[in-house]
Amino acid sequence: MNKRLKNNYIFLLILIPVILRALTPVFFKSAALKIETYNFISIATNLLYWISFILFFLRAVTWQFVLKKVQLSYAYPFTSLSYVFLLLIGYLYFNEAVSVANIAGASLIIIGTIVLAANKTQDG
């Protein structure tokens, strides 16, 4: 596998648990908004909670696969991108306000992730 193809594969591999990390709280929040009365039955029978738990499990499994392939110090900075995804999802799906400070912070996260990832080797 040539180096560029390998880098793209590694990036996509890391992106899967990052996206799952961003989606899990979206389903938890959606589940919480659907419940009118909090009790064990209403929570246990809420399909969105079950989807959240499945996503959480899939995230853990895919993250273990990532860690088997790359160094932790290379992969972990990418997890901060989930905050950027959550900012976008919160705005688009939940109509949450986004401030200039949110955009500045998200920009710093993206730049920081690029800087940290660019200076690490990917082989673990």
Protein backbone atom coordinates (compact mmCIF):
# COMPACT_ATOMS: atom_id res chain seq x y z
CA MET A 1 0.00 0.00 0.00
CA ASN A 2 1.53 3.33 -0.98
CA LYS A 3 2.08 5.95 1.72
CA ARG A 4 -0.70 8.32 0.62
CA LEU A 5 -3.28 5.54 0.43
CA LYS A 6 -2.16 4.28 3.83
CA ASN A 7 -2.49 7.79 5.32
CA ASN A 8 -6.02 8.12 3.90
CA TYR A 9 -6.93 4.69 5.28
CA ILE A 10 -5.60 5.60 8.74
CA PHE A 11 -7.45 8.93 8.70
CA LEU A 12 -10.75 7.26 7.76
CA LEU A 13 -10.16 4.55 10.34
CA ILE A 14 -9.69 7.19 13.06
CA LEU A 15 -12.66 9.22 11.84
CA ILE A 16 -15.15 6.38 12.43
CA PRO A 17 -14.95 6.36 16.26
CA VAL A 18 -14.70 10.17 16.27
CA ILE A 19 -18.01 10.42 14.40
CA LEU A 20 -19.55 7.76 16.66
CA ARG A 21 -18.32 9.79 19.64
CA ALA A 22 -20.21 12.80 18.28
CA LEU A 23 -23.38 10.88 17.40
CA THR A 24 -23.79 9.11 20.74
CA PRO A 25 -24.73 12.22 22.77
CA VAL A 26 -27.06 13.34 19.97
CA PHE A 27 -29.09 10.19 20.43
CA PHE A 28 -28.90 10.51 24.24
CA LYS A 29 -30.24 14.07 24.02
CA SER A 30 -32.95 13.04 21.54
CA ALA A 31 -33.95 10.24 23.90
CA ALA A 32 -34.07 12.60 26.87
CA LEU A 33 -36.25 15.07 24.98
CA LYS A 34 -38.77 12.33 24.12
CA ILE A 35 -39.30 11.21 27.71
CA GLU A 36 -42.07 13.02 29.57
CA THR A 37 -41.86 11.17 32.87
CA TYR A 38 -38.53 9.78 34.00
CA ASN A 39 -38.82 6.27 35.36
CA PHE A 40 -37.11 2.98 34.67
CA ILE A 41 -39.74 1.75 32.20
CA SER A 42 -39.81 4.93 30.12
CA ILE A 43 -36.03 4.92 29.85
CA ALA A 44 -35.67 1.16 29.26
CA THR A 45 -38.27 1.20 26.49
CA ASN A 46 -36.88 4.26 24.71
CA LEU A 47 -35.37 3.08 21.42
CA LEU A 48 -33.12 6.16 21.20
CA TYR A 49 -31.40 5.20 24.47
CA TRP A 50 -30.72 1.73 23.09
CA ILE A 51 -29.30 3.22 19.91
CA SER A 52 -27.07 5.42 22.09
CA PHE A 53 -25.73 2.39 23.97
CA ILE A 54 -25.09 0.52 20.72
CA LEU A 55 -23.22 3.53 19.29
CA PHE A 56 -21.21 3.77 22.52
CA PHE A 57 -20.26 0.09 22.21
CA LEU A 58 -19.38 0.42 18.51
CA ARG A 59 -17.25 3.44 19.32
CA ALA A 60 -15.30 1.46 21.92
CA VAL A 61 -14.75 -1.45 19.53
CA THR A 62 -13.67 0.74 16.62
CA TRP A 63 -11.39 2.77 18.89
CA GLN A 64 -9.65 -0.43 20.02
CA PHE A 65 -9.10 -1.30 16.36
CA VAL A 66 -7.60 2.17 15.77
CA LEU A 67 -5.27 1.81 18.74
CA LYS A 68 -4.07 -1.52 17.43
CA LYS A 69 -3.04 0.17 14.15
CA VAL A 70 -1.64 3.56 15.21
CA GLN A 71 0.11 5.25 18.11
CA LEU A 72 -2.15 6.67 20.81
CA SER A 73 -0.35 10.02 20.62
CA TYR A 74 -1.23 10.22 16.92
CA ALA A 75 -4.84 9.03 17.16
CA TYR A 76 -6.02 10.77 20.32
CA PRO A 77 -5.89 14.40 19.13
CA PHE A 78 -8.47 13.50 16.49
CA THR A 79 -11.03 12.76 19.21
CA SER A 80 -11.27 16.48 19.91
CA LEU A 81 -12.90 16.85 16.50
CA SER A 82 -16.04 15.31 17.99
CA TYR A 83 -16.64 18.66 19.73
CA VAL A 84 -16.58 20.38 16.34
CA PHE A 85 -19.04 17.84 14.94
CA LEU A 86 -21.27 18.29 18.01
CA LEU A 87 -21.26 22.05 17.55
CA LEU A 88 -22.49 21.59 13.97
CA ILE A 89 -25.05 18.93 14.90
CA GLY A 90 -26.34 21.03 17.80
CA TYR A 91 -26.81 23.97 15.47
CA LEU A 92 -28.36 22.03 12.58
CA TYR A 93 -30.45 19.45 14.46
CA PHE A 94 -31.31 21.04 17.82
CA ASN A 95 -31.29 24.70 16.68
CA GLU A 96 -28.71 25.56 19.33
CA ALA A 97 -27.03 28.94 19.18
CA VAL A 98 -23.46 29.17 17.90
CA SER A 99 -21.39 32.13 19.01
CA VAL A 100 -18.24 33.68 17.65
CA ALA A 101 -16.44 32.11 20.60
CA ASN A 102 -17.78 28.67 19.58
CA ILE A 103 -16.51 29.17 16.04
CA ALA A 104 -13.14 30.42 17.27
CA GLY A 105 -12.81 27.47 19.65
CA ALA A 106 -13.78 24.98 16.96
CA SER A 107 -11.24 26.57 14.62
CA LEU A 108 -8.52 26.22 17.25
CA ILE A 109 -9.44 22.57 17.76
CA ILE A 110 -9.18 21.88 14.03
CA ILE A 111 -5.85 23.72 13.73
CA GLY A 112 -4.50 22.02 16.87
CA THR A 113 -5.47 18.60 15.59
CA ILE A 114 -3.76 19.25 12.27
CA VAL A 115 -0.58 20.50 13.98
CA LEU A 116 -0.43 17.59 16.41
CA ALA A 117 -1.18 14.96 13.79
CA ALA A 118 1.28 16.39 11.27
CA ASN A 119 4.18 15.93 13.68
CA LYS A 120 3.55 12.31 14.65
CA THR A 121 4.35 9.04 13.01
CA GLN A 122 1.35 6.87 12.31
CA ASP A 123 2.78 3.40 12.76
CA GLY A 124 1.96 1.89 16.11
